[in-house]
Amino acid sequence: MQSQRLFIAIKLPPRALTALGDLINSLLKIPSPSRCVKEESIHITLKFLGDVPNSQISSLSDAIDQATKPSAPFEISCGTNGA
């Protein structure tokens, strides 16, 4: 059975992506075994769903759409990184 690793996430606005991209670029200057994601891949994961069978993706998407329809748009703000 074919499946996909899925998650529910919030896309960030361009301004936030640029700021986070700048932060990532500054972190890349520090020697580290970790790796960073590309700016266009940055998001806020709300829930990791794991492997979902392809046959269930459409109904899952419909359920998420129905669950989020009553939600009003919202704003997220971030402070400093604690430094």
N, C-alpha and C. Protein backbone atom coordinates (compact mmCIF):
# COMPACT_ATOMS: atom_id res chain seq x y z
N MET A 1 0.84 -1.18 0.00
CA MET A 1 0.00 0.00 0.00
C MET A 1 0.89 1.25 0.00
N GLN A 2 0.64 2.16 -0.91
CA GLN A 2 1.39 3.41 -1.01
C GLN A 2 0.95 4.37 0.10
N SER A 3 1.90 5.09 0.65
CA SER A 3 1.59 6.08 1.69
C SER A 3 2.52 7.27 1.56
N GLN A 4 2.17 8.33 2.28
CA GLN A 4 2.99 9.54 2.32
C GLN A 4 3.15 9.97 3.77
N ARG A 5 4.34 10.50 4.09
CA ARG A 5 4.57 11.05 5.43
C ARG A 5 4.00 12.46 5.43
N LEU A 6 2.99 12.68 6.25
CA LEU A 6 2.27 13.95 6.23
C LEU A 6 2.31 14.65 7.59
N PHE A 7 2.07 15.94 7.53
CA PHE A 7 1.96 16.75 8.74
C PHE A 7 1.01 17.91 8.46
N ILE A 8 0.48 18.47 9.52
CA ILE A 8 -0.36 19.68 9.42
C ILE A 8 0.54 20.84 9.82
N ALA A 9 0.59 21.87 8.99
CA ALA A 9 1.53 22.96 9.24
C ALA A 9 0.93 24.30 8.87
N ILE A 10 1.57 25.34 9.37
CA ILE A 10 1.22 26.72 9.04
C ILE A 10 2.31 27.27 8.14
N LYS A 11 1.91 27.79 6.99
CA LYS A 11 2.87 28.48 6.13
C LYS A 11 3.14 29.85 6.74
N LEU A 12 4.36 30.30 6.60
CA LEU A 12 4.74 31.60 7.13
C LEU A 12 4.73 32.65 6.03
N PRO A 13 4.44 33.91 6.40
CA PRO A 13 4.46 34.97 5.40
C PRO A 13 5.88 35.24 4.92
N PRO A 14 6.01 35.82 3.73
CA PRO A 14 7.34 36.08 3.15
C PRO A 14 8.29 36.82 4.07
N ARG A 15 7.78 37.81 4.80
CA ARG A 15 8.65 38.59 5.69
C ARG A 15 9.26 37.71 6.79
N ALA A 16 8.47 36.81 7.33
CA ALA A 16 8.97 35.89 8.36
C ALA A 16 9.97 34.92 7.76
N LEU A 17 9.68 34.43 6.55
CA LEU A 17 10.61 33.51 5.89
C LEU A 17 11.96 34.16 5.65
N THR A 18 11.94 35.42 5.24
CA THR A 18 13.19 36.15 5.00
C THR A 18 13.97 36.30 6.29
N ALA A 19 13.29 36.67 7.37
CA ALA A 19 13.98 36.85 8.65
C ALA A 19 14.57 35.53 9.14
N LEU A 20 13.81 34.46 9.03
CA LEU A 20 14.32 33.15 9.44
C LEU A 20 15.44 32.68 8.52
N GLY A 21 15.33 32.97 7.23
CA GLY A 21 16.40 32.63 6.29
C GLY A 21 17.69 33.34 6.65
N ASP A 22 17.59 34.61 7.04
CA ASP A 22 18.77 35.36 7.47
C ASP A 22 19.39 34.73 8.72
N LEU A 23 18.54 34.31 9.66
CA LEU A 23 19.03 33.67 10.87
C LEU A 23 19.73 32.36 10.52
N ILE A 24 19.13 31.58 9.66
CA ILE A 24 19.74 30.31 9.24
C ILE A 24 21.09 30.56 8.59
N ASN A 25 21.17 31.55 7.71
CA ASN A 25 22.44 31.87 7.04
C ASN A 25 23.52 32.24 8.05
N SER A 26 23.14 32.95 9.11
CA SER A 26 24.14 33.30 10.12
C SER A 26 24.55 32.06 10.92
N LEU A 27 23.62 31.14 11.14
CA LEU A 27 23.95 29.91 11.87
C LEU A 27 24.84 28.99 11.05
N LEU A 28 24.72 29.06 9.73
CA LEU A 28 25.54 28.21 8.87
C LEU A 28 27.03 28.54 8.97
N LYS A 29 27.34 29.73 9.49
CA LYS A 29 28.73 30.13 9.65
C LYS A 29 29.40 29.44 10.84
N ILE A 30 28.58 28.83 11.71
CA ILE A 30 29.09 28.14 12.89
C ILE A 30 29.30 26.67 12.52
N PRO A 31 30.51 26.14 12.72
CA PRO A 31 30.74 24.72 12.39
C PRO A 31 29.81 23.83 13.22
N SER A 32 29.08 22.95 12.54
CA SER A 32 28.12 22.09 13.22
C SER A 32 27.80 20.89 12.33
N PRO A 33 27.52 19.74 12.94
CA PRO A 33 27.13 18.58 12.14
C PRO A 33 25.67 18.64 11.67
N SER A 34 24.91 19.62 12.19
CA SER A 34 23.50 19.72 11.81
C SER A 34 23.35 20.36 10.43
N ARG A 35 22.18 20.21 9.87
CA ARG A 35 21.91 20.83 8.58
C ARG A 35 20.68 21.71 8.70
N CYS A 36 20.54 22.66 7.82
CA CYS A 36 19.41 23.58 7.86
C CYS A 36 18.55 23.38 6.62
N VAL A 37 17.28 23.73 6.77
CA VAL A 37 16.35 23.62 5.65
C VAL A 37 16.43 24.87 4.78
N LYS A 38 15.96 24.74 3.56
CA LYS A 38 15.89 25.89 2.67
C LYS A 38 14.79 26.83 3.15
N GLU A 39 14.98 28.10 2.88
CA GLU A 39 14.03 29.12 3.33
C GLU A 39 12.60 28.80 2.91
N GLU A 40 12.41 28.32 1.67
CA GLU A 40 11.07 28.06 1.17
C GLU A 40 10.40 26.84 1.82
N SER A 41 11.17 26.08 2.58
CA SER A 41 10.63 24.89 3.26
C SER A 41 10.29 25.15 4.72
N ILE A 42 10.56 26.35 5.21
CA ILE A 42 10.31 26.66 6.62
C ILE A 42 8.79 26.75 6.85
N HIS A 43 8.35 26.14 7.94
CA HIS A 43 6.94 26.17 8.32
C HIS A 43 6.86 25.86 9.81
N ILE A 44 5.67 26.00 10.37
CA ILE A 44 5.44 25.61 11.76
C ILE A 44 4.59 24.35 11.73
N THR A 45 5.15 23.25 12.20
CA THR A 45 4.41 22.00 12.23
C THR A 45 3.50 21.98 13.46
N LEU A 46 2.22 21.78 13.21
CA LEU A 46 1.26 21.68 14.30
C LEU A 46 1.08 20.23 14.76
N LYS A 47 1.10 19.32 13.80
CA LYS A 47 0.92 17.91 14.13
C LYS A 47 1.55 17.06 13.04
N PHE A 48 2.43 16.14 13.45
CA PHE A 48 3.01 15.18 12.53
C PHE A 48 2.07 13.99 12.47
N LEU A 49 1.62 13.63 11.28
CA LEU A 49 0.66 12.55 11.11
C LEU A 49 1.31 11.21 10.81
N GLY A 50 2.54 11.23 10.37
CA GLY A 50 3.24 10.00 10.05
C GLY A 50 2.85 9.50 8.67
N ASP A 51 3.00 8.19 8.47
CA ASP A 51 2.67 7.58 7.19
C ASP A 51 1.16 7.42 7.05
N VAL A 52 0.60 8.08 6.05
CA VAL A 52 -0.84 8.03 5.79
C VAL A 52 -1.05 7.34 4.45
N PRO A 53 -1.88 6.28 4.43
CA PRO A 53 -2.15 5.61 3.16
C PRO A 53 -2.75 6.59 2.15
N ASN A 54 -2.29 6.50 0.90
CA ASN A 54 -2.79 7.40 -0.14
C ASN A 54 -4.31 7.37 -0.24
N SER A 55 -4.92 6.22 0.02
CA SER A 55 -6.37 6.09 -0.07
C SER A 55 -7.11 6.93 0.98
N GLN A 56 -6.42 7.38 2.03
CA GLN A 56 -7.06 8.16 3.10
C GLN A 56 -6.77 9.65 3.01
N ILE A 57 -5.89 10.06 2.11
CA ILE A 57 -5.45 11.46 2.08
C ILE A 57 -6.60 12.40 1.73
N SER A 58 -7.41 12.07 0.77
CA SER A 58 -8.51 12.95 0.37
C SER A 58 -9.50 13.17 1.51
N SER A 59 -9.90 12.10 2.19
CA SER A 59 -10.85 12.26 3.30
C SER A 59 -10.20 12.97 4.48
N LEU A 60 -8.91 12.75 4.70
CA LEU A 60 -8.20 13.47 5.75
C LEU A 60 -8.14 14.96 5.45
N SER A 61 -7.85 15.30 4.21
CA SER A 61 -7.81 16.70 3.79
C SER A 61 -9.17 17.36 3.98
N ASP A 62 -10.24 16.66 3.59
CA ASP A 62 -11.60 17.19 3.76
C ASP A 62 -11.90 17.42 5.25
N ALA A 63 -11.51 16.48 6.11
CA ALA A 63 -11.76 16.61 7.54
C ALA A 63 -11.00 17.81 8.13
N ILE A 64 -9.77 18.01 7.69
CA ILE A 64 -8.99 19.16 8.17
C ILE A 64 -9.63 20.46 7.70
N ASP A 65 -10.06 20.51 6.44
CA ASP A 65 -10.75 21.70 5.92
C ASP A 65 -11.98 22.01 6.76
N GLN A 66 -12.79 21.01 7.06
CA GLN A 66 -14.01 21.21 7.86
C GLN A 66 -13.67 21.67 9.28
N ALA A 67 -12.63 21.10 9.86
CA ALA A 67 -12.25 21.44 11.23
C ALA A 67 -11.71 22.86 11.34
N THR A 68 -11.10 23.36 10.28
CA THR A 68 -10.48 24.68 10.36
C THR A 68 -11.35 25.81 9.80
N LYS A 69 -12.45 25.48 9.16
CA LYS A 69 -13.32 26.53 8.60
C LYS A 69 -13.80 27.54 9.64
N PRO A 70 -14.19 27.10 10.83
CA PRO A 70 -14.67 28.09 11.81
C PRO A 70 -13.57 28.97 12.39
N SER A 71 -12.32 28.66 12.12
CA SER A 71 -11.21 29.42 12.70
C SER A 71 -10.99 30.73 11.95
N ALA A 72 -10.86 31.79 12.71
CA ALA A 72 -10.57 33.09 12.12
C ALA A 72 -9.06 33.20 11.87
N PRO A 73 -8.66 34.03 10.91
CA PRO A 73 -7.23 34.26 10.72
C PRO A 73 -6.59 34.77 12.01
N PHE A 74 -5.33 34.48 12.21
CA PHE A 74 -4.65 34.91 13.41
C PHE A 74 -3.23 35.35 13.08
N GLU A 75 -2.64 36.06 14.01
CA GLU A 75 -1.27 36.52 13.84
C GLU A 75 -0.37 35.83 14.86
N ILE A 76 0.84 35.58 14.44
CA ILE A 76 1.87 35.02 15.32
C ILE A 76 3.00 36.02 15.37
N SER A 77 3.50 36.27 16.56
CA SER A 77 4.67 37.14 16.66
C SER A 77 5.77 36.40 17.40
N CYS A 78 6.98 36.78 17.09
CA CYS A 78 8.15 36.16 17.71
C CYS A 78 8.99 37.23 18.34
N GLY A 79 9.62 36.87 19.43
CA GLY A 79 10.53 37.78 20.10
C GLY A 79 11.96 37.47 19.68
N THR A 80 12.87 37.89 20.52
CA THR A 80 14.28 37.64 20.23
C THR A 80 14.61 36.18 20.50
N ASN A 81 15.78 35.78 20.08
CA ASN A 81 16.21 34.40 20.29
C ASN A 81 16.81 34.17 21.67
N GLY A 82 16.68 35.12 22.56
CA GLY A 82 17.16 34.95 23.93
C GLY A 82 18.60 35.35 24.14
N ALA A 83 19.25 35.80 23.10
CA ALA A 83 20.66 36.17 23.23
C ALA A 83 20.81 37.53 23.85
